Amino acid sequence: MADMEPKKLSREKLEDGSVLLLLKERFQDDMTEDNLLELMQVLRDSVVILPMQVLMSAADAERMRLYEENMKFVAENEVQVVPAVSELEGEKYMFIFSQAEQIPVEYSESVTLMRAPYEKVYQYFMEDETLYGIVLDPFTENLELPAELIHAIARMESHLEDEA
């Protein structure tokens, strides 16, 4: 692939995350440069699932805890929704998922899931200088992507049919 023109991709083909999952698994089975480049290109053009967490004041969190189901809650202080960050071996990572099936139910209940294009994931990554990398599908056959690789993916050109 390094010497070939990359294939054009359609949003529809990438939509369910199965191509991304397949290429991640192929790279993990055969860690060649060609497989890595193909995985990076598809990730660059993919929409992934990004776990988010809600940040609010302790007072608002306590008030929300006391609200009963179906009651309307209005925060009195600033509320932020930011990517959920986890620590692995002393380093902070942002998690992303290729498909909903890759997310354990217990984890999905503790975060808010958002579909986001890689460009948005990269923007969030750049906003948090404490992050070491991104982990794709962290609860299954995970793939750690260090910062250098994340930046390289962001610099790649799109190969989507309607954008290339």
N, C-alpha and C. Protein backbone atom coordinates (compact mmCIF):
# COMPACT_ATOMS: atom_id res chain seq x y z
N MET A 1 0.82 -1.20 0.00
CA MET A 1 0.00 0.00 0.00
C MET A 1 0.86 1.26 0.00
N ALA A 2 2.05 1.20 0.55
CA ALA A 2 2.90 2.38 0.63
C ALA A 2 3.20 2.93 -0.77
N ASP A 3 3.30 2.03 -1.78
CA ASP A 3 3.60 2.47 -3.14
C ASP A 3 2.34 2.64 -3.98
N MET A 4 1.20 2.25 -3.46
CA MET A 4 -0.03 2.29 -4.23
C MET A 4 -0.86 3.51 -3.83
N GLU A 5 -1.76 3.90 -4.74
CA GLU A 5 -2.74 4.95 -4.42
C GLU A 5 -3.79 4.31 -3.52
N PRO A 6 -4.09 4.91 -2.34
CA PRO A 6 -5.10 4.33 -1.46
C PRO A 6 -6.47 4.26 -2.13
N LYS A 7 -7.22 3.22 -1.76
CA LYS A 7 -8.57 3.04 -2.30
C LYS A 7 -9.48 4.15 -1.80
N LYS A 8 -10.46 4.51 -2.64
CA LYS A 8 -11.48 5.46 -2.22
C LYS A 8 -12.46 4.72 -1.31
N LEU A 9 -12.95 5.41 -0.32
CA LEU A 9 -13.87 4.83 0.66
C LEU A 9 -15.18 5.59 0.64
N SER A 10 -16.23 4.93 1.02
CA SER A 10 -17.52 5.62 1.15
C SER A 10 -17.88 5.70 2.63
N ARG A 11 -18.59 6.76 2.98
CA ARG A 11 -19.06 6.90 4.37
C ARG A 11 -19.91 5.70 4.78
N GLU A 12 -20.73 5.22 3.84
CA GLU A 12 -21.61 4.09 4.14
C GLU A 12 -20.81 2.84 4.52
N LYS A 13 -19.72 2.61 3.82
CA LYS A 13 -18.90 1.42 4.08
C LYS A 13 -18.23 1.50 5.46
N LEU A 14 -17.94 2.72 5.91
CA LEU A 14 -17.27 2.90 7.20
C LEU A 14 -18.24 3.10 8.36
N GLU A 15 -19.52 3.29 8.05
CA GLU A 15 -20.50 3.73 9.02
C GLU A 15 -20.62 2.84 10.26
N ASP A 16 -20.65 1.53 10.11
CA ASP A 16 -20.90 0.66 11.27
C ASP A 16 -19.63 0.27 12.02
N GLY A 17 -18.47 0.73 11.58
CA GLY A 17 -17.22 0.44 12.28
C GLY A 17 -16.62 -0.92 12.00
N SER A 18 -17.28 -1.73 11.18
CA SER A 18 -16.78 -3.09 10.94
C SER A 18 -15.47 -3.08 10.14
N VAL A 19 -15.31 -2.14 9.22
CA VAL A 19 -14.07 -2.06 8.44
C VAL A 19 -12.92 -1.67 9.37
N LEU A 20 -13.15 -0.70 10.23
CA LEU A 20 -12.13 -0.28 11.18
C LEU A 20 -11.74 -1.44 12.10
N LEU A 21 -12.72 -2.17 12.61
CA LEU A 21 -12.46 -3.31 13.48
C LEU A 21 -11.66 -4.38 12.74
N LEU A 22 -12.05 -4.68 11.52
CA LEU A 22 -11.35 -5.68 10.71
C LEU A 22 -9.89 -5.29 10.48
N LEU A 23 -9.65 -4.02 10.13
CA LEU A 23 -8.28 -3.57 9.87
C LEU A 23 -7.44 -3.52 11.14
N LYS A 24 -8.08 -3.20 12.28
CA LYS A 24 -7.36 -3.24 13.56
C LYS A 24 -6.91 -4.67 13.85
N GLU A 25 -7.82 -5.62 13.67
CA GLU A 25 -7.50 -7.03 13.92
C GLU A 25 -6.44 -7.53 12.94
N ARG A 26 -6.52 -7.11 11.67
CA ARG A 26 -5.52 -7.52 10.68
C ARG A 26 -4.14 -6.99 11.09
N PHE A 27 -4.08 -5.73 11.52
CA PHE A 27 -2.80 -5.17 11.94
C PHE A 27 -2.25 -5.89 13.17
N GLN A 28 -3.13 -6.22 14.11
CA GLN A 28 -2.67 -6.91 15.31
C GLN A 28 -2.14 -8.31 15.00
N ASP A 29 -2.69 -8.95 13.97
CA ASP A 29 -2.22 -10.27 13.56
C ASP A 29 -0.95 -10.21 12.73
N ASP A 30 -0.77 -9.11 11.98
CA ASP A 30 0.36 -8.96 11.07
C ASP A 30 0.79 -7.49 11.08
N MET A 31 1.70 -7.14 11.95
CA MET A 31 2.09 -5.75 12.19
C MET A 31 3.05 -5.22 11.13
N THR A 32 2.56 -5.16 9.89
CA THR A 32 3.36 -4.61 8.81
C THR A 32 3.04 -3.14 8.63
N GLU A 33 3.93 -2.44 7.94
CA GLU A 33 3.71 -1.02 7.67
C GLU A 33 2.48 -0.82 6.79
N ASP A 34 2.29 -1.68 5.80
CA ASP A 34 1.12 -1.56 4.93
C ASP A 34 -0.18 -1.69 5.72
N ASN A 35 -0.23 -2.67 6.63
CA ASN A 35 -1.44 -2.85 7.43
C ASN A 35 -1.66 -1.66 8.37
N LEU A 36 -0.58 -1.12 8.91
CA LEU A 36 -0.70 0.05 9.77
C LEU A 36 -1.21 1.26 8.98
N LEU A 37 -0.66 1.50 7.81
CA LEU A 37 -1.09 2.64 6.99
C LEU A 37 -2.56 2.52 6.60
N GLU A 38 -2.98 1.33 6.24
CA GLU A 38 -4.39 1.14 5.87
C GLU A 38 -5.30 1.37 7.07
N LEU A 39 -4.91 0.89 8.23
CA LEU A 39 -5.67 1.12 9.47
C LEU A 39 -5.73 2.61 9.78
N MET A 40 -4.60 3.30 9.68
CA MET A 40 -4.56 4.74 9.96
C MET A 40 -5.48 5.50 9.02
N GLN A 41 -5.46 5.14 7.73
CA GLN A 41 -6.29 5.84 6.75
C GLN A 41 -7.77 5.66 7.04
N VAL A 42 -8.17 4.45 7.38
CA VAL A 42 -9.58 4.20 7.68
C VAL A 42 -9.97 4.89 8.98
N LEU A 43 -9.11 4.87 9.98
CA LEU A 43 -9.40 5.58 11.23
C LEU A 43 -9.57 7.07 10.95
N ARG A 44 -8.71 7.64 10.12
CA ARG A 44 -8.77 9.07 9.80
C ARG A 44 -10.14 9.45 9.20
N ASP A 45 -10.73 8.55 8.43
CA ASP A 45 -12.00 8.83 7.77
C ASP A 45 -13.22 8.27 8.51
N SER A 46 -13.00 7.65 9.66
CA SER A 46 -14.09 7.00 10.39
C SER A 46 -14.77 7.92 11.38
N VAL A 47 -16.00 7.55 11.70
CA VAL A 47 -16.73 8.12 12.84
C VAL A 47 -16.67 7.03 13.91
N VAL A 48 -16.15 7.39 15.07
CA VAL A 48 -15.98 6.43 16.16
C VAL A 48 -16.91 6.78 17.32
N ILE A 49 -16.94 5.91 18.29
CA ILE A 49 -17.74 6.17 19.49
C ILE A 49 -16.78 6.67 20.56
N LEU A 50 -17.09 7.83 21.10
CA LEU A 50 -16.23 8.50 22.07
C LEU A 50 -16.96 8.61 23.41
N PRO A 51 -16.46 7.97 24.47
CA PRO A 51 -17.09 8.11 25.78
C PRO A 51 -16.84 9.51 26.34
N MET A 52 -17.90 10.11 26.84
CA MET A 52 -17.82 11.45 27.41
C MET A 52 -18.28 11.39 28.86
N GLN A 53 -17.78 12.33 29.66
CA GLN A 53 -18.24 12.44 31.04
C GLN A 53 -18.72 13.85 31.29
N VAL A 54 -19.68 13.96 32.18
CA VAL A 54 -20.26 15.24 32.53
C VAL A 54 -19.55 15.75 33.78
N LEU A 55 -19.05 16.98 33.69
CA LEU A 55 -18.40 17.61 34.84
C LEU A 55 -19.32 18.71 35.35
N MET A 56 -19.64 18.64 36.64
CA MET A 56 -20.48 19.67 37.25
C MET A 56 -20.04 19.88 38.68
N SER A 57 -20.53 20.96 39.26
CA SER A 57 -20.17 21.27 40.64
C SER A 57 -20.70 20.19 41.57
N ALA A 58 -20.06 20.06 42.72
CA ALA A 58 -20.50 19.08 43.72
C ALA A 58 -21.93 19.36 44.16
N ALA A 59 -22.28 20.64 44.28
CA ALA A 59 -23.63 21.00 44.70
C ALA A 59 -24.66 20.56 43.66
N ASP A 60 -24.39 20.79 42.38
CA ASP A 60 -25.30 20.35 41.33
C ASP A 60 -25.37 18.83 41.27
N ALA A 61 -24.25 18.15 41.44
CA ALA A 61 -24.24 16.69 41.42
C ALA A 61 -25.11 16.13 42.55
N GLU A 62 -25.02 16.73 43.72
CA GLU A 62 -25.84 16.28 44.85
C GLU A 62 -27.31 16.55 44.59
N ARG A 63 -27.63 17.74 44.06
CA ARG A 63 -29.02 18.06 43.73
C ARG A 63 -29.57 17.08 42.69
N MET A 64 -28.75 16.75 41.68
CA MET A 64 -29.18 15.83 40.64
C MET A 64 -29.41 14.43 41.20
N ARG A 65 -28.56 14.02 42.14
CA ARG A 65 -28.70 12.70 42.77
C ARG A 65 -30.03 12.59 43.50
N LEU A 66 -30.50 13.68 44.06
CA LEU A 66 -31.73 13.68 44.84
C LEU A 66 -32.99 13.77 43.98
N TYR A 67 -32.82 14.15 42.71
CA TYR A 67 -33.98 14.26 41.83
C TYR A 67 -34.53 12.88 41.53
N GLU A 68 -35.82 12.79 41.43
CA GLU A 68 -36.46 11.54 41.08
C GLU A 68 -36.56 11.42 39.57
N GLU A 69 -36.72 10.20 39.10
CA GLU A 69 -36.84 9.95 37.67
C GLU A 69 -37.98 10.79 37.09
N ASN A 70 -37.77 11.28 35.89
CA ASN A 70 -38.73 12.10 35.14
C ASN A 70 -38.88 13.52 35.68
N MET A 71 -38.08 13.92 36.64
CA MET A 71 -38.12 15.31 37.10
C MET A 71 -37.15 16.11 36.23
N LYS A 72 -37.44 17.36 36.03
CA LYS A 72 -36.57 18.23 35.24
C LYS A 72 -35.47 18.77 36.14
N PHE A 73 -34.23 18.63 35.68
CA PHE A 73 -33.09 19.12 36.45
C PHE A 73 -32.44 20.26 35.68
N VAL A 74 -32.20 21.37 36.36
CA VAL A 74 -31.51 22.51 35.78
C VAL A 74 -30.31 22.82 36.67
N ALA A 75 -29.12 22.74 36.08
CA ALA A 75 -27.90 23.01 36.83
C ALA A 75 -27.81 24.50 37.18
N GLU A 76 -27.29 24.79 38.35
CA GLU A 76 -27.11 26.18 38.76
C GLU A 76 -25.72 26.70 38.42
N ASN A 77 -24.79 25.80 38.16
CA ASN A 77 -23.41 26.17 37.84
C ASN A 77 -23.04 25.60 36.47
N GLU A 78 -21.84 25.92 36.01
CA GLU A 78 -21.38 25.47 34.69
C GLU A 78 -21.30 23.94 34.64
N VAL A 79 -21.75 23.40 33.51
CA VAL A 79 -21.66 21.96 33.25
C VAL A 79 -20.83 21.78 31.99
N GLN A 80 -19.90 20.86 32.02
CA GLN A 80 -19.06 20.58 30.86
C GLN A 80 -19.19 19.10 30.49
N VAL A 81 -19.14 18.83 29.21
CA VAL A 81 -19.08 17.45 28.73
C VAL A 81 -17.72 17.30 28.05
N VAL A 82 -16.90 16.40 28.59
CA VAL A 82 -15.53 16.23 28.10
C VAL A 82 -15.27 14.74 27.87
N PRO A 83 -14.29 14.42 27.04
CA PRO A 83 -13.96 13.01 26.84
C PRO A 83 -13.56 12.35 28.16
N ALA A 84 -14.05 11.13 28.35
CA ALA A 84 -13.66 10.36 29.52
C ALA A 84 -12.20 9.94 29.34
N VAL A 85 -11.43 10.09 30.38
CA VAL A 85 -10.00 9.78 30.34
C VAL A 85 -9.73 8.69 31.38
N SER A 86 -8.89 7.73 31.01
CA SER A 86 -8.53 6.65 31.92
C SER A 86 -7.02 6.54 32.02
N GLU A 87 -6.58 6.01 33.13
CA GLU A 87 -5.15 5.85 33.35
C GLU A 87 -4.77 4.39 33.17
N LEU A 88 -3.74 4.16 32.36
CA LEU A 88 -3.20 2.82 32.13
C LEU A 88 -1.70 2.88 32.35
N GLU A 89 -1.21 2.06 33.25
CA GLU A 89 0.23 1.99 33.53
C GLU A 89 0.84 3.38 33.75
N GLY A 90 0.13 4.22 34.49
CA GLY A 90 0.64 5.54 34.86
C GLY A 90 0.49 6.61 33.80
N GLU A 91 -0.10 6.30 32.65
CA GLU A 91 -0.29 7.27 31.57
C GLU A 91 -1.78 7.47 31.33
N LYS A 92 -2.17 8.69 30.93
CA LYS A 92 -3.57 9.00 30.67
C LYS A 92 -3.90 8.80 29.19
N TYR A 93 -5.02 8.11 28.95
CA TYR A 93 -5.47 7.81 27.60
C TYR A 93 -6.92 8.22 27.42
N MET A 94 -7.26 8.57 26.19
CA MET A 94 -8.64 8.75 25.77
C MET A 94 -9.04 7.44 25.10
N PHE A 95 -10.24 6.96 25.39
CA PHE A 95 -10.74 5.74 24.77
C PHE A 95 -11.63 6.09 23.59
N ILE A 96 -11.56 5.28 22.53
CA ILE A 96 -12.50 5.36 21.42
C ILE A 96 -12.88 3.93 21.05
N PHE A 97 -14.04 3.78 20.42
CA PHE A 97 -14.53 2.46 20.07
C PHE A 97 -14.93 2.42 18.61
N SER A 98 -14.63 1.29 17.97
CA SER A 98 -15.01 1.10 16.57
C SER A 98 -16.50 0.81 16.44
N GLN A 99 -17.06 0.10 17.41
CA GLN A 99 -18.46 -0.31 17.38
C GLN A 99 -19.02 -0.37 18.79
N ALA A 100 -20.34 -0.21 18.92
CA ALA A 100 -20.99 -0.30 20.23
C ALA A 100 -20.78 -1.67 20.86
N GLU A 101 -20.68 -2.71 20.03
CA GLU A 101 -20.49 -4.07 20.55
C GLU A 101 -19.16 -4.24 21.29
N GLN A 102 -18.24 -3.32 21.09
CA GLN A 102 -16.94 -3.39 21.75
C GLN A 102 -16.95 -2.76 23.16
N ILE A 103 -18.09 -2.22 23.56
CA ILE A 103 -18.19 -1.48 24.82
C ILE A 103 -18.95 -2.33 25.85
N PRO A 104 -18.33 -2.67 26.98
CA PRO A 104 -19.04 -3.41 28.02
C PRO A 104 -20.21 -2.58 28.57
N VAL A 105 -21.30 -3.24 28.89
CA VAL A 105 -22.50 -2.57 29.39
C VAL A 105 -22.17 -1.75 30.64
N GLU A 106 -21.41 -2.33 31.56
CA GLU A 106 -21.08 -1.62 32.81
C GLU A 106 -20.37 -0.30 32.53
N TYR A 107 -19.45 -0.32 31.56
CA TYR A 107 -18.73 0.91 31.21
C TYR A 107 -19.66 1.90 30.53
N SER A 108 -20.49 1.43 29.60
CA SER A 108 -21.37 2.33 28.86
C SER A 108 -22.37 3.02 29.78
N GLU A 109 -22.70 2.39 30.90
CA GLU A 109 -23.63 3.00 31.85
C GLU A 109 -22.97 4.09 32.70
N SER A 110 -21.64 4.14 32.70
CA SER A 110 -20.94 5.12 33.52
C SER A 110 -20.50 6.36 32.73
N VAL A 111 -20.74 6.35 31.42
CA VAL A 111 -20.34 7.47 30.55
C VAL A 111 -21.48 7.80 29.60
N THR A 112 -21.34 8.90 28.89
CA THR A 112 -22.25 9.25 27.81
C THR A 112 -21.52 8.97 26.51
N LEU A 113 -22.14 8.23 25.62
CA LEU A 113 -21.48 7.85 24.36
C LEU A 113 -21.87 8.82 23.25
N MET A 114 -20.85 9.26 22.52
CA MET A 114 -21.05 10.22 21.44
C MET A 114 -20.36 9.69 20.18
N ARG A 115 -21.03 9.75 19.06
CA ARG A 115 -20.39 9.42 17.78
C ARG A 115 -19.66 10.67 17.31
N ALA A 116 -18.40 10.50 16.92
CA ALA A 116 -17.60 11.65 16.52
C ALA A 116 -16.62 11.26 15.41
N PRO A 117 -16.43 12.15 14.44
CA PRO A 117 -15.41 11.89 13.41
C PRO A 117 -14.02 12.02 14.04
N TYR A 118 -13.05 11.38 13.39
CA TYR A 118 -11.68 11.41 13.92
C TYR A 118 -11.19 12.84 14.14
N GLU A 119 -11.58 13.76 13.26
CA GLU A 119 -11.14 15.15 13.40
C GLU A 119 -11.55 15.72 14.77
N LYS A 120 -12.74 15.38 15.24
CA LYS A 120 -13.21 15.86 16.54
C LYS A 120 -12.44 15.17 17.67
N VAL A 121 -12.19 13.88 17.51
CA VAL A 121 -11.39 13.14 18.50
C VAL A 121 -10.02 13.80 18.61
N TYR A 122 -9.42 14.12 17.48
CA TYR A 122 -8.10 14.76 17.47
C TYR A 122 -8.15 16.12 18.16
N GLN A 123 -9.21 16.87 17.90
CA GLN A 123 -9.37 18.18 18.55
C GLN A 123 -9.41 18.02 20.07
N TYR A 124 -10.20 17.08 20.55
CA TYR A 124 -10.25 16.82 21.99
C TYR A 124 -8.87 16.39 22.52
N PHE A 125 -8.18 15.55 21.75
CA PHE A 125 -6.85 15.08 22.16
C PHE A 125 -5.89 16.26 22.33
N MET A 126 -5.94 17.18 21.39
CA MET A 126 -5.05 18.33 21.42
C MET A 126 -5.37 19.29 22.57
N GLU A 127 -6.61 19.31 23.02
CA GLU A 127 -7.02 20.19 24.11
C GLU A 127 -6.55 19.71 25.48
N ASP A 128 -6.16 18.46 25.60
CA ASP A 128 -5.73 17.90 26.89
C ASP A 128 -4.26 17.51 26.80
N GLU A 129 -3.40 18.39 27.27
CA GLU A 129 -1.95 18.17 27.18
C GLU A 129 -1.45 17.04 28.07
N THR A 130 -2.30 16.53 28.94
CA THR A 130 -1.88 15.45 29.85
C THR A 130 -2.05 14.06 29.23
N LEU A 131 -2.67 13.98 28.04
CA LEU A 131 -2.91 12.68 27.42
C LEU A 131 -1.66 12.12 26.78
N TYR A 132 -1.44 10.83 26.99
CA TYR A 132 -0.32 10.12 26.37
C TYR A 132 -0.72 9.55 25.01
N GLY A 133 -1.99 9.14 24.89
CA GLY A 133 -2.43 8.53 23.65
C GLY A 133 -3.91 8.23 23.66
N ILE A 134 -4.31 7.46 22.67
CA ILE A 134 -5.68 7.01 22.50
C ILE A 134 -5.67 5.49 22.45
N VAL A 135 -6.68 4.87 23.04
CA VAL A 135 -6.82 3.41 22.95
C VAL A 135 -8.08 3.10 22.16
N LEU A 136 -7.93 2.35 21.08
CA LEU A 136 -9.04 1.90 20.27
C LEU A 136 -9.53 0.57 20.82
N ASP A 137 -10.83 0.50 21.15
CA ASP A 137 -11.47 -0.70 21.68
C ASP A 137 -10.76 -1.23 22.93
N PRO A 138 -10.70 -0.43 24.00
CA PRO A 138 -9.90 -0.78 25.17
C PRO A 138 -10.32 -2.02 25.94
N PHE A 139 -11.54 -2.48 25.81
CA PHE A 139 -11.99 -3.62 26.62
C PHE A 139 -11.97 -4.93 25.86
N THR A 140 -11.61 -4.90 24.58
CA THR A 140 -11.49 -6.12 23.80
C THR A 140 -10.04 -6.22 23.36
N GLU A 141 -9.79 -6.51 22.12
CA GLU A 141 -8.41 -6.54 21.61
C GLU A 141 -7.99 -5.10 21.35
N ASN A 142 -7.50 -4.44 22.39
CA ASN A 142 -7.23 -3.00 22.29
C ASN A 142 -5.97 -2.70 21.49
N LEU A 143 -5.96 -1.49 20.97
CA LEU A 143 -4.80 -1.00 20.23
C LEU A 143 -4.45 0.37 20.78
N GLU A 144 -3.26 0.50 21.35
CA GLU A 144 -2.79 1.78 21.88
C GLU A 144 -2.16 2.59 20.76
N LEU A 145 -2.60 3.84 20.66
CA LEU A 145 -2.07 4.76 19.65
C LEU A 145 -1.35 5.89 20.38
N PRO A 146 -0.02 5.94 20.31
CA PRO A 146 0.71 7.02 20.96
C PRO A 146 0.53 8.34 20.21
N ALA A 147 0.88 9.42 20.86
CA ALA A 147 0.68 10.77 20.33
C ALA A 147 1.26 10.94 18.92
N GLU A 148 2.45 10.41 18.65
CA GLU A 148 3.07 10.58 17.34
C GLU A 148 2.18 10.01 16.24
N LEU A 149 1.58 8.86 16.50
CA LEU A 149 0.71 8.22 15.52
C LEU A 149 -0.59 9.00 15.36
N ILE A 150 -1.11 9.52 16.46
CA ILE A 150 -2.34 10.31 16.43
C ILE A 150 -2.15 11.57 15.58
N HIS A 151 -1.02 12.22 15.74
CA HIS A 151 -0.72 13.41 14.93
C HIS A 151 -0.55 13.04 13.45
N ALA A 152 0.09 11.92 13.18
CA ALA A 152 0.30 11.48 11.80
C ALA A 152 -1.04 11.19 11.12
N ILE A 153 -1.96 10.57 11.83
CA ILE A 153 -3.28 10.28 11.27
C ILE A 153 -3.99 11.59 10.91
N ALA A 154 -3.89 12.56 11.79
CA ALA A 154 -4.56 13.85 11.56
C ALA A 154 -4.01 14.56 10.32
N ARG A 155 -2.75 14.32 9.98
CA ARG A 155 -2.14 14.97 8.81
C ARG A 155 -2.46 14.26 7.50
N MET A 156 -3.02 13.06 7.57
CA MET A 156 -3.32 12.30 6.36
C MET A 156 -4.49 12.94 5.61
N GLU A 157 -4.47 12.80 4.29
CA GLU A 157 -5.58 13.28 3.48
C GLU A 157 -6.73 12.30 3.54
N SER A 158 -7.93 12.83 3.43
CA SER A 158 -9.12 11.98 3.38
C SER A 158 -9.15 11.21 2.07
N HIS A 159 -9.65 9.99 2.15
CA HIS A 159 -9.84 9.18 0.95
C HIS A 159 -11.31 8.78 0.81
N LEU A 160 -12.18 9.60 1.39
CA LEU A 160 -13.61 9.40 1.21
C LEU A 160 -13.97 9.84 -0.21
N GLU A 161 -14.84 9.11 -0.85
CA GLU A 161 -15.22 9.39 -2.24
C GLU A 161 -15.70 10.82 -2.41
N ASP A 162 -16.49 11.32 -1.47
CA ASP A 162 -17.07 12.65 -1.62
C ASP A 162 -16.19 13.78 -1.12
N GLU A 163 -14.99 13.46 -0.59
CA GLU A 163 -14.11 14.52 -0.08
C GLU A 163 -12.77 14.55 -0.80
N ALA A 164 -12.41 13.49 -1.47
CA ALA A 164 -11.09 13.43 -2.11
C ALA A 164 -11.08 14.14 -3.44
